[in-house]
Protein backbone atom coordinates (compact mmCIF):
# COMPACT_ATOMS: atom_id res chain seq x y z
CA UNK A 1 7.08 -111.38 37.55
CA UNK A 2 10.65 -111.34 39.10
CA UNK A 3 10.60 -110.54 42.72
CA UNK A 4 6.89 -111.33 43.08
CA UNK A 5 5.79 -113.38 46.13
CA UNK A 6 3.34 -115.39 44.03
CA UNK A 7 3.96 -119.03 43.25
CA UNK A 8 2.81 -120.35 39.88
CA UNK A 9 2.52 -123.70 38.31
CA UNK A 10 5.72 -124.73 36.54
CA UNK A 11 4.33 -126.70 33.68
CA UNK A 12 3.33 -123.57 31.65
CA UNK A 13 -0.42 -124.56 31.58
CA UNK A 14 -3.05 -121.90 32.15
CA UNK A 15 -6.46 -122.29 33.75
CA UNK A 16 -9.49 -122.03 31.56
CA UNK A 17 -10.12 -118.50 32.81
CA UNK A 18 -6.77 -117.32 31.49
CA UNK A 19 -7.56 -118.71 28.06
CA UNK A 20 -10.92 -117.03 28.10
CA UNK A 21 -9.16 -113.71 28.86
CA UNK A 22 -7.41 -113.94 25.49
CA UNK A 23 -3.80 -114.30 26.82
CA UNK A 24 -1.50 -115.92 24.34
CA UNK A 25 0.99 -117.96 26.37
CA UNK A 26 3.90 -119.57 24.56
CA UNK A 27 4.83 -122.94 25.97
CA UNK A 28 8.38 -123.92 26.87
CA UNK A 29 10.67 -124.45 23.91
CA UNK A 30 12.06 -127.85 23.14
CA UNK A 31 15.52 -126.32 22.56
CA UNK A 32 15.39 -124.55 25.93
CA UNK A 33 14.66 -126.93 28.80
CA UNK A 34 13.17 -125.80 32.09
CA UNK A 35 16.48 -126.43 33.83
CA UNK A 36 18.10 -123.58 31.87
CA UNK A 37 15.86 -120.86 33.13
CA UNK A 38 18.16 -118.72 35.20
CA UNK A 39 16.35 -116.56 37.76
CA UNK A 40 18.30 -113.54 39.01
CA UNK A 41 16.12 -111.78 41.57
CA UNK A 42 14.22 -114.64 43.10
CA UNK A 43 13.86 -118.40 42.68
CA UNK A 44 11.05 -119.86 40.76
CA UNK A 45 9.73 -122.94 42.50
CA UNK A 46 7.53 -125.22 40.43
CA UNK A 47 4.50 -126.08 42.60
CA UNK A 48 1.87 -128.69 42.25
CA UNK A 49 -0.95 -128.10 39.83
CA UNK A 50 -3.71 -126.11 41.39
CA UNK A 51 -6.46 -123.83 40.15
CA UNK A 52 -5.27 -120.17 40.17
CA UNK A 53 -7.79 -117.41 40.92
CA UNK A 54 -9.52 -116.01 37.84
CA UNK A 55 -8.20 -112.56 38.55
CA UNK A 56 -4.60 -113.76 38.27
CA UNK A 57 -5.05 -115.53 34.91
CA UNK A 58 -3.67 -112.64 32.82
CA UNK A 59 -0.78 -112.11 35.32
CA UNK A 60 0.12 -115.85 35.09
CA UNK A 61 0.26 -115.64 31.32
CA UNK A 62 2.51 -112.59 31.40
CA UNK A 63 4.80 -114.29 33.95
CA UNK A 64 5.17 -117.38 31.84
CA UNK A 65 5.94 -115.31 28.77
CA UNK A 66 8.63 -113.37 30.66
CA UNK A 67 10.23 -116.56 31.99
CA UNK A 68 10.33 -118.00 28.48
CA UNK A 69 12.20 -114.95 27.16
CA UNK A 70 14.67 -114.61 30.02
CA UNK A 71 17.15 -117.52 29.24
CA UNK A 72 18.32 -115.98 25.92
CA UNK A 73 18.52 -112.38 26.89
CA UNK A 74 18.93 -110.49 23.53
CA UNK A 75 21.50 -107.80 22.73
CA UNK A 76 20.44 -104.20 22.97
CA UNK A 77 18.28 -102.66 20.25
CA UNK A 78 16.92 -105.93 18.89
CA UNK A 79 13.35 -106.93 18.21
CA UNK A 80 13.48 -109.70 20.82
CA UNK A 81 14.62 -107.24 23.48
CA UNK A 82 11.93 -104.75 22.59
CA UNK A 83 9.37 -107.61 22.74
CA UNK A 84 10.57 -108.51 26.22
CA UNK A 85 10.31 -104.84 27.35
CA UNK A 86 6.71 -104.65 26.04
CA UNK A 87 5.92 -107.82 28.06
CA UNK A 88 7.34 -106.42 31.26
CA UNK A 89 5.46 -103.16 30.79
CA UNK A 90 2.21 -105.08 30.27
CA UNK A 91 2.94 -107.09 33.39
CA UNK A 92 3.55 -104.01 35.40
CA UNK A 93 0.33 -102.52 34.12
CA UNK A 94 -1.59 -105.63 35.14
CA UNK A 95 -0.05 -105.54 38.64
CA UNK A 96 -1.15 -102.02 39.04
CA UNK A 97 -4.61 -102.75 37.88
CA UNK A 98 -4.88 -105.63 40.43
CA UNK A 99 -3.55 -103.35 43.17
CA UNK A 100 -6.13 -100.73 42.42
CA UNK A 101 -8.88 -103.34 42.49
CA UNK A 102 -7.67 -104.69 45.86
CA UNK A 103 -7.51 -101.22 47.28
CA UNK A 104 -11.07 -100.53 46.15
CA UNK A 105 -12.23 -103.70 47.82
CA UNK A 106 -10.44 -102.86 51.06
CA UNK A 107 -11.90 -99.43 51.09
CA UNK A 108 -15.36 -100.93 50.62
CA UNK A 109 -14.67 -103.18 53.67
CA UNK A 110 -13.56 -100.24 55.75
CA UNK A 111 -9.93 -101.13 55.86
CA UNK A 112 -7.21 -98.44 56.14
CA UNK A 113 -4.93 -98.64 53.19
CA UNK A 114 -1.09 -98.56 53.69
CA UNK A 115 1.05 -96.06 51.92
CA UNK A 116 1.17 -96.40 48.16
CA UNK A 117 4.23 -98.25 46.98
CA UNK A 118 6.77 -96.45 44.91
CA UNK A 119 5.95 -98.53 41.86
CA UNK A 120 2.52 -96.94 41.68
CA UNK A 121 4.09 -93.51 41.22
CA UNK A 122 4.59 -93.88 37.51
CA UNK A 123 3.74 -91.76 34.58
CA UNK A 124 0.10 -91.38 33.57
CA UNK A 125 0.56 -93.17 30.27
CA UNK A 126 1.82 -96.42 31.95
CA UNK A 127 -0.98 -96.47 34.54
CA UNK A 128 -3.76 -96.05 32.03
CA UNK A 129 -5.26 -99.11 30.50
CA UNK A 130 -4.25 -99.74 26.89
CA UNK A 131 -7.04 -99.18 24.40
CA UNK A 132 -8.14 -102.08 22.21
CA UNK A 133 -6.65 -100.52 19.11
CA UNK A 134 -3.35 -99.52 20.72
CA UNK A 135 0.02 -100.15 19.10
CA UNK A 136 3.63 -99.30 19.81
CA UNK A 137 4.58 -96.28 17.60
CA UNK A 138 8.03 -96.13 16.18
CA UNK A 139 10.45 -93.69 17.94
CA UNK A 140 11.97 -92.59 14.59
CA UNK A 141 11.98 -88.83 14.04
CA UNK A 142 12.13 -88.69 10.26
CA UNK A 143 9.31 -89.76 7.94
CA UNK A 144 8.39 -89.56 4.27
CA UNK A 145 4.95 -88.48 3.13
CA UNK A 146 3.68 -89.16 -0.45
CA UNK A 147 0.41 -87.33 -1.07
CA UNK A 148 -1.93 -86.60 -3.95
CA UNK A 149 -5.11 -84.47 -4.02
CA UNK A 150 -7.69 -83.79 -6.73
CA UNK A 151 -8.77 -80.16 -6.43
CA UNK A 152 -11.45 -77.77 -7.47
CA UNK A 153 -10.12 -74.32 -8.44
CA UNK A 154 -12.05 -71.10 -7.93
CA UNK A 155 -10.71 -68.10 -9.78
CA UNK A 156 -11.85 -64.89 -11.41
CA UNK A 157 -10.34 -62.46 -13.88
CA UNK A 158 -9.92 -58.86 -12.81
CA UNK A 159 -8.65 -56.12 -15.15
CA UNK A 160 -8.22 -52.40 -15.12
CA UNK A 161 -8.02 -52.24 -18.84
CA UNK A 162 -10.94 -51.04 -20.98
CA UNK A 163 -10.70 -53.93 -23.29
CA UNK A 164 -13.80 -55.41 -24.78
CA UNK A 165 -12.20 -58.86 -25.20
CA UNK A 166 -11.10 -58.90 -21.55
CA UNK A 167 -14.56 -57.83 -20.36
CA UNK A 168 -16.21 -60.62 -22.31
CA UNK A 169 -13.71 -63.10 -20.98
CA UNK A 170 -14.11 -61.96 -17.40
CA UNK A 171 -17.84 -62.74 -17.47
CA UNK A 172 -17.44 -66.17 -18.92
CA UNK A 173 -14.27 -67.64 -17.35
CA UNK A 174 -14.48 -69.90 -14.27
CA UNK A 175 -12.26 -72.41 -12.48
CA UNK A 176 -12.18 -76.10 -12.96
CA UNK A 177 -10.62 -79.31 -11.62
CA UNK A 178 -6.89 -79.53 -10.92
CA UNK A 179 -4.33 -81.82 -9.28
CA UNK A 180 -1.62 -81.45 -6.60
CA UNK A 181 0.97 -84.09 -5.65
CA UNK A 182 3.99 -83.86 -3.38
CA UNK A 183 6.72 -85.90 -1.76
CA UNK A 184 7.87 -84.34 1.54
CA UNK A 185 10.14 -85.23 4.43
CA UNK A 186 9.06 -84.42 7.97
CA UNK A 187 11.01 -84.16 11.26
CA UNK A 188 9.15 -84.71 14.49
CA UNK A 189 10.52 -82.07 16.84
CA UNK A 190 8.18 -82.97 19.80
CA UNK A 191 5.37 -85.38 20.42
CA UNK A 192 2.92 -82.87 18.89
CA UNK A 193 4.98 -80.67 16.55
CA UNK A 194 6.70 -81.62 13.30
CA UNK A 195 8.34 -79.67 10.41
CA UNK A 196 8.35 -80.76 6.83
CA UNK A 197 9.55 -79.74 3.33
CA UNK A 198 9.48 -81.39 -0.04
CA UNK A 199 8.95 -81.20 -3.76
CA UNK A 200 5.60 -81.21 -5.56
CA UNK A 201 3.60 -80.55 -8.71
CA UNK A 202 0.46 -78.48 -9.04
CA UNK A 203 -1.88 -78.06 -12.01
CA UNK A 204 -4.57 -75.39 -12.02
CA UNK A 205 -6.66 -74.09 -14.82
CA UNK A 206 -9.69 -72.18 -16.03
CA UNK A 207 -12.66 -73.01 -18.21
CA UNK A 208 -14.20 -70.63 -20.76
CA UNK A 209 -17.49 -71.54 -22.41
CA UNK A 210 -18.15 -69.23 -25.30
CA UNK A 211 -21.09 -69.04 -27.69
CA UNK A 212 -20.32 -68.94 -31.42
CA UNK A 213 -23.09 -67.48 -33.63
CA UNK A 214 -22.94 -67.96 -37.42
CA UNK A 215 -25.29 -66.98 -40.24
CA UNK A 216 -25.90 -69.39 -43.06
CA UNK A 217 -27.78 -68.69 -46.32
CA UNK A 218 -29.63 -71.28 -48.29
CA UNK A 219 -31.18 -70.93 -51.79
CA UNK A 220 -34.36 -72.77 -52.47
CA UNK A 221 -35.92 -72.90 -56.00
CA UNK A 222 -39.67 -72.67 -56.29
CA UNK A 223 -41.04 -74.01 -59.63
CA UNK A 224 -44.50 -73.15 -60.97
CA UNK A 225 -46.07 -75.01 -63.95
CA UNK A 226 -49.00 -73.43 -65.86
CA UNK A 227 -50.83 -75.50 -68.45
CA UNK A 228 -53.23 -73.88 -70.93
CA UNK A 229 -55.67 -75.67 -73.32
CA UNK A 230 -56.80 -73.65 -76.44
CA UNK A 231 -59.43 -74.97 -78.89
CA UNK A 232 -59.55 -73.88 -82.60
CA UNK A 233 -62.40 -74.46 -85.26
CA UNK A 234 -61.66 -73.95 -88.97
CA UNK A 235 -64.47 -73.79 -91.63
CA UNK A 236 -63.46 -73.95 -95.33
CA UNK A 237 -65.93 -73.92 -98.29
CA UNK A 238 -65.25 -74.78 -101.90
CA UNK A 239 -67.42 -74.21 -104.99
CA UNK A 240 -67.41 -76.23 -108.26
CA UNK A 241 -69.50 -75.49 -111.39
CA UNK A 242 -70.49 -78.20 -113.94
CA UNK A 243 -72.69 -78.30 -117.01
CA UNK A 244 -75.58 -80.68 -116.73
CA UNK A 245 -77.51 -81.78 -119.80
CA UNK A 246 -81.18 -81.91 -119.03
CA UNK A 247 -83.39 -83.84 -121.34
CA UNK A 248 -86.36 -81.91 -122.59
CA UNK A 249 -89.24 -82.81 -125.02
CA UNK A 250 -89.50 -80.46 -127.83
CA UNK A 251 -92.68 -80.62 -130.07
CA UNK A 252 -92.41 -80.98 -133.81
CA UNK A 253 -95.03 -79.13 -135.80
CA UNK A 254 -96.29 -79.87 -139.29
CA UNK A 255 -97.18 -77.36 -141.92
CA UNK A 256 -100.54 -76.95 -140.55
CA UNK A 257 -99.15 -76.15 -137.25
CA UNK A 258 -100.04 -79.37 -135.60
CA UNK A 259 -97.86 -81.20 -133.32
CA UNK A 260 -96.92 -84.34 -135.05
CA UNK A 261 -94.40 -85.62 -132.54
CA UNK A 262 -92.07 -84.79 -129.81
CA UNK A 263 -88.30 -84.91 -130.01
CA UNK A 264 -85.92 -85.18 -127.02
CA UNK A 265 -83.68 -82.24 -126.92
CA UNK A 266 -80.84 -81.92 -124.24
CA UNK A 267 -80.64 -78.52 -122.81
CA UNK A 268 -77.35 -77.51 -121.04
CA UNK A 269 -77.58 -76.09 -117.55
CA UNK A 270 -74.94 -74.88 -115.12
CA UNK A 271 -74.88 -76.73 -111.77
CA UNK A 272 -72.91 -75.28 -108.77
CA UNK A 273 -71.52 -77.65 -106.16
CA UNK A 274 -70.57 -76.16 -102.74
CA UNK A 275 -68.32 -78.16 -100.35
CA UNK A 276 -67.87 -77.00 -96.67
CA UNK A 277 -65.09 -78.50 -94.37
CA UNK A 278 -65.27 -77.81 -90.58
CA UNK A 279 -61.96 -78.64 -88.63
CA UNK A 280 -61.70 -78.68 -84.78
CA UNK A 281 -58.15 -78.33 -83.29
CA UNK A 282 -56.89 -78.20 -79.57
CA UNK A 283 -53.53 -76.58 -78.51
CA UNK A 284 -52.04 -77.55 -75.10
CA UNK A 285 -49.34 -75.14 -73.82
CA UNK A 286 -47.32 -75.45 -70.59
CA UNK A 287 -45.53 -72.62 -68.84
CA UNK A 288 -42.74 -73.26 -66.25
CA UNK A 289 -41.67 -70.52 -63.96
CA UNK A 290 -38.65 -71.03 -61.59
CA UNK A 291 -38.40 -68.58 -58.66
CA UNK A 292 -35.25 -68.57 -56.39
CA UNK A 293 -35.95 -68.13 -52.62
CA UNK A 294 -33.16 -66.98 -50.29
CA UNK A 295 -33.37 -68.32 -46.72
CA UNK A 296 -31.23 -67.09 -43.70
CA UNK A 297 -30.39 -69.35 -40.73
CA UNK A 298 -28.83 -68.26 -37.41
CA UNK A 299 -26.70 -71.04 -35.78
CA UNK A 300 -25.48 -70.93 -32.22
CA UNK A 301 -22.77 -73.39 -31.07
CA UNK A 302 -20.92 -73.53 -27.69
CA UNK A 303 -17.21 -74.16 -27.40
CA UNK A 304 -15.30 -74.94 -24.15
CA UNK A 305 -11.71 -73.82 -23.82
CA UNK A 306 -9.57 -75.07 -20.95
CA UNK A 307 -6.27 -73.21 -20.36
CA UNK A 308 -3.80 -74.95 -17.99
CA UNK A 309 -1.15 -73.64 -15.62
CA UNK A 310 1.65 -76.03 -14.46
CA UNK A 311 3.79 -75.39 -11.47
CA UNK A 312 6.74 -77.05 -9.75
CA UNK A 313 6.30 -76.42 -6.03
CA UNK A 314 8.54 -76.38 -2.98
CA UNK A 315 6.20 -76.84 0.02
CA UNK A 316 7.14 -76.25 3.67
CA UNK A 317 4.70 -76.84 6.52
CA UNK A 318 4.24 -76.96 10.30
CA UNK A 319 2.14 -79.80 11.61
CA UNK A 320 0.49 -79.98 15.05
CA UNK A 321 -1.00 -83.14 16.43
CA UNK A 322 -4.45 -82.86 18.10
CA UNK A 323 -5.41 -84.75 21.19
CA UNK A 324 -3.19 -86.59 23.67
CA UNK A 325 -0.13 -88.32 22.02
CA UNK A 326 -0.24 -92.10 22.78
CA UNK A 327 -0.55 -95.44 21.25
CA UNK A 328 -3.88 -94.92 19.48
CA UNK A 329 -3.91 -95.94 15.88
CA UNK A 330 -6.30 -93.21 14.86
CA UNK A 331 -5.36 -89.51 15.42
CA UNK A 332 -5.87 -86.14 13.82
CA UNK A 333 -3.55 -83.23 13.11
CA UNK A 334 -3.69 -79.78 11.61
CA UNK A 335 -1.01 -78.28 9.31
CA UNK A 336 -0.27 -74.91 7.89
CA UNK A 337 2.45 -73.85 5.41
CA UNK A 338 3.49 -72.18 2.22
CA UNK A 339 4.76 -73.24 -1.08
CA UNK A 340 6.97 -71.50 -3.71
CA UNK A 341 5.61 -72.11 -7.22
CA UNK A 342 7.75 -72.16 -10.33
CA UNK A 343 5.80 -71.75 -13.56
CA UNK A 344 6.47 -74.68 -16.01
CA UNK A 345 4.31 -73.50 -18.89
CA UNK A 346 0.76 -74.07 -20.01
CA UNK A 347 -1.76 -72.43 -22.29
CA UNK A 348 -3.49 -69.08 -22.47
CA UNK A 349 -6.56 -67.58 -24.12
CA UNK A 350 -6.13 -65.26 -27.08
CA UNK A 351 -8.72 -63.48 -29.31
CA UNK A 352 -8.11 -61.95 -32.72
CA UNK A 353 -11.59 -60.46 -33.34
CA UNK A 354 -12.16 -58.28 -30.31
CA UNK A 355 -13.52 -60.95 -27.99
CA UNK A 356 -16.06 -62.46 -30.27
CA UNK A 357 -14.16 -65.74 -30.30
CA UNK A 358 -11.26 -67.17 -28.30
CA UNK A 359 -8.71 -69.88 -28.78
CA UNK A 360 -6.00 -71.48 -26.63
CA UNK A 361 -2.30 -71.07 -27.35
CA UNK A 362 0.56 -72.95 -25.77
CA UNK A 363 3.11 -70.84 -23.97
CA UNK A 364 6.46 -71.66 -22.38
CA UNK A 365 8.06 -70.48 -19.21
CA UNK A 366 9.41 -67.20 -20.54
CA UNK A 367 7.35 -66.41 -23.65
CA UNK A 368 3.95 -65.87 -22.04
CA UNK A 369 2.27 -63.26 -19.81
CA UNK A 370 2.65 -65.43 -16.66
CA UNK A 371 4.89 -64.89 -13.60
CA UNK A 372 7.91 -67.13 -13.33
CA UNK A 373 7.57 -67.38 -9.52
CA UNK A 374 4.55 -67.29 -7.28
CA UNK A 375 3.66 -67.96 -3.63
CA UNK A 376 0.73 -69.88 -2.14
CA UNK A 377 -0.50 -70.44 1.41
CA UNK A 378 -2.03 -73.76 2.43
CA UNK A 379 -3.70 -75.45 5.37
CA UNK A 380 -5.21 -78.89 5.95
CA UNK A 381 -6.82 -80.95 8.72
CA UNK A 382 -5.80 -84.61 8.41
CA UNK A 383 -7.19 -87.84 9.82
CA UNK A 384 -4.47 -90.52 10.21
CA UNK A 385 -4.58 -94.25 10.76
CA UNK A 386 -1.52 -96.34 11.58
CA UNK A 387 -1.32 -99.67 9.67
CA UNK A 388 2.01 -100.65 11.38
CA UNK A 389 4.48 -98.88 13.74
CA UNK A 390 5.96 -97.19 10.69
CA UNK A 391 3.35 -97.10 7.97
CA UNK A 392 0.21 -94.95 8.18
CA UNK A 393 -2.47 -93.53 5.87
CA UNK A 394 -3.98 -90.02 5.95
CA UNK A 395 -6.99 -88.28 4.52
CA UNK A 396 -7.07 -84.51 4.68
CA UNK A 397 -9.31 -81.70 3.30
CA UNK A 398 -6.99 -79.05 2.01
CA UNK A 399 -7.27 -75.31 1.19
CA UNK A 400 -4.70 -73.37 -0.85
CA UNK A 401 -4.59 -69.70 -1.90
CA UNK A 402 -2.29 -67.96 -4.30
CA UNK A 403 -1.04 -64.64 -2.85
CA UNK A 404 0.06 -63.28 -6.17
CA UNK A 405 -1.65 -63.12 -9.59
CA UNK A 406 -0.50 -65.75 -12.21
CA UNK A 407 -0.18 -62.81 -14.68
CA UNK A 408 2.63 -60.35 -14.66
CA UNK A 409 1.83 -56.80 -13.36
CA UNK A 410 2.43 -55.17 -16.75
CA UNK A 411 -0.43 -57.14 -18.36
CA UNK A 412 -3.05 -55.37 -16.21
CA UNK A 413 -4.69 -58.71 -15.46
CA UNK A 414 -5.17 -60.27 -12.04
CA UNK A 415 -6.13 -63.84 -11.43
CA UNK A 416 -5.55 -65.69 -8.15
CA UNK A 417 -6.64 -69.31 -7.65
CA UNK A 418 -8.27 -70.63 -4.54
CA UNK A 419 -8.19 -74.43 -4.45
CA UNK A 420 -9.94 -76.91 -2.27
CA UNK A 421 -9.17 -80.64 -2.40
CA UNK A 422 -9.16 -83.96 -0.61
CA UNK A 423 -5.59 -85.11 -0.03
CA UNK A 424 -4.71 -88.85 0.30
CA UNK A 425 -1.26 -89.64 1.73
CA UNK A 426 0.97 -92.46 2.73
CA UNK A 427 3.49 -91.93 5.49
CA UNK A 428 6.55 -94.06 6.17
CA UNK A 429 8.88 -93.52 9.19
CA UNK A 430 12.53 -93.95 8.31
């Protein structure tokens, strides 16, 4: 360090203890020889190579880095000049740490310490040791924040009307998932307080699950077949008469009355012939009877309707940083604000049968029962992490509540959405 009574080796080499401490020491540049190193406050005398104490390893590395940057002193407000300033601050911090360590050892040995030098009377942030994840935040006051949040909406329908359709809808309608996105600009008024405003988009909506009951009739035909077997017997008799000549011996007598011979004489005789016919017959008869049967079926189906409400928002917020402002990459903040909502259109639920069934109907900005303007209050607790000195990421649980109903007062309906979400944002300092 300039003005320091210590003498360091002039070849730029560090002892092994300095390398173990993690100090990155740039060697002398070929384009800038050692003879061009102009020392303003004190002369830098290259000494012979010797082993430096381990406690001075980090300080030697910072001294060499400072001497390498001094020959070409940059113009104001350049990256090289800011790098040199950071190196000098780190060197001052290391000197103060060594001084506190030496004072502690002297106190342990019973020595009386001299008065504290004026360099030790610095601000608390420069005397504290830098954390491992420290960085140099940008001093820019303005920043842009792009954020998006999936949300869950909670809403109910209240009505003073004695409408059966409204009463049925009130018991069945619930909130559902929505979306909120915004691009806002913030101005950092102090280390903790910042103000912001921007332009955003919000989509909320409801969900109605209704049961549809229908009655169907079906006709079923029942057929009955009856088969009958009938047996019949028919008896018919016929008679036929014929003359049959029967031979018969007739005696022939003589005069004395003696039978002298016999002559054959045919005697006619009636003969009756009877014929009987018996007939057996079977009759097979089939009877078909068709009976219609009427059956009734009750069918229940469920239909889900999702009306949407779209808004253009103008959010304003006040952000307060929690904890001590410093160089930590991770910090938290809390914000509260309001947003003016402009209705962009959406869909509504309508019923034409007294609430038995509903359907959705698209509506515009002015042709529906919704307010043209609304107001919502919001709050969030964010956890931020700095990727660079200008770029950071944030993750914030959010809560938003609509102060006015989405419906106009003359409709007699009241519905206010309460939304909870998880906002993811990207911040860039201008």
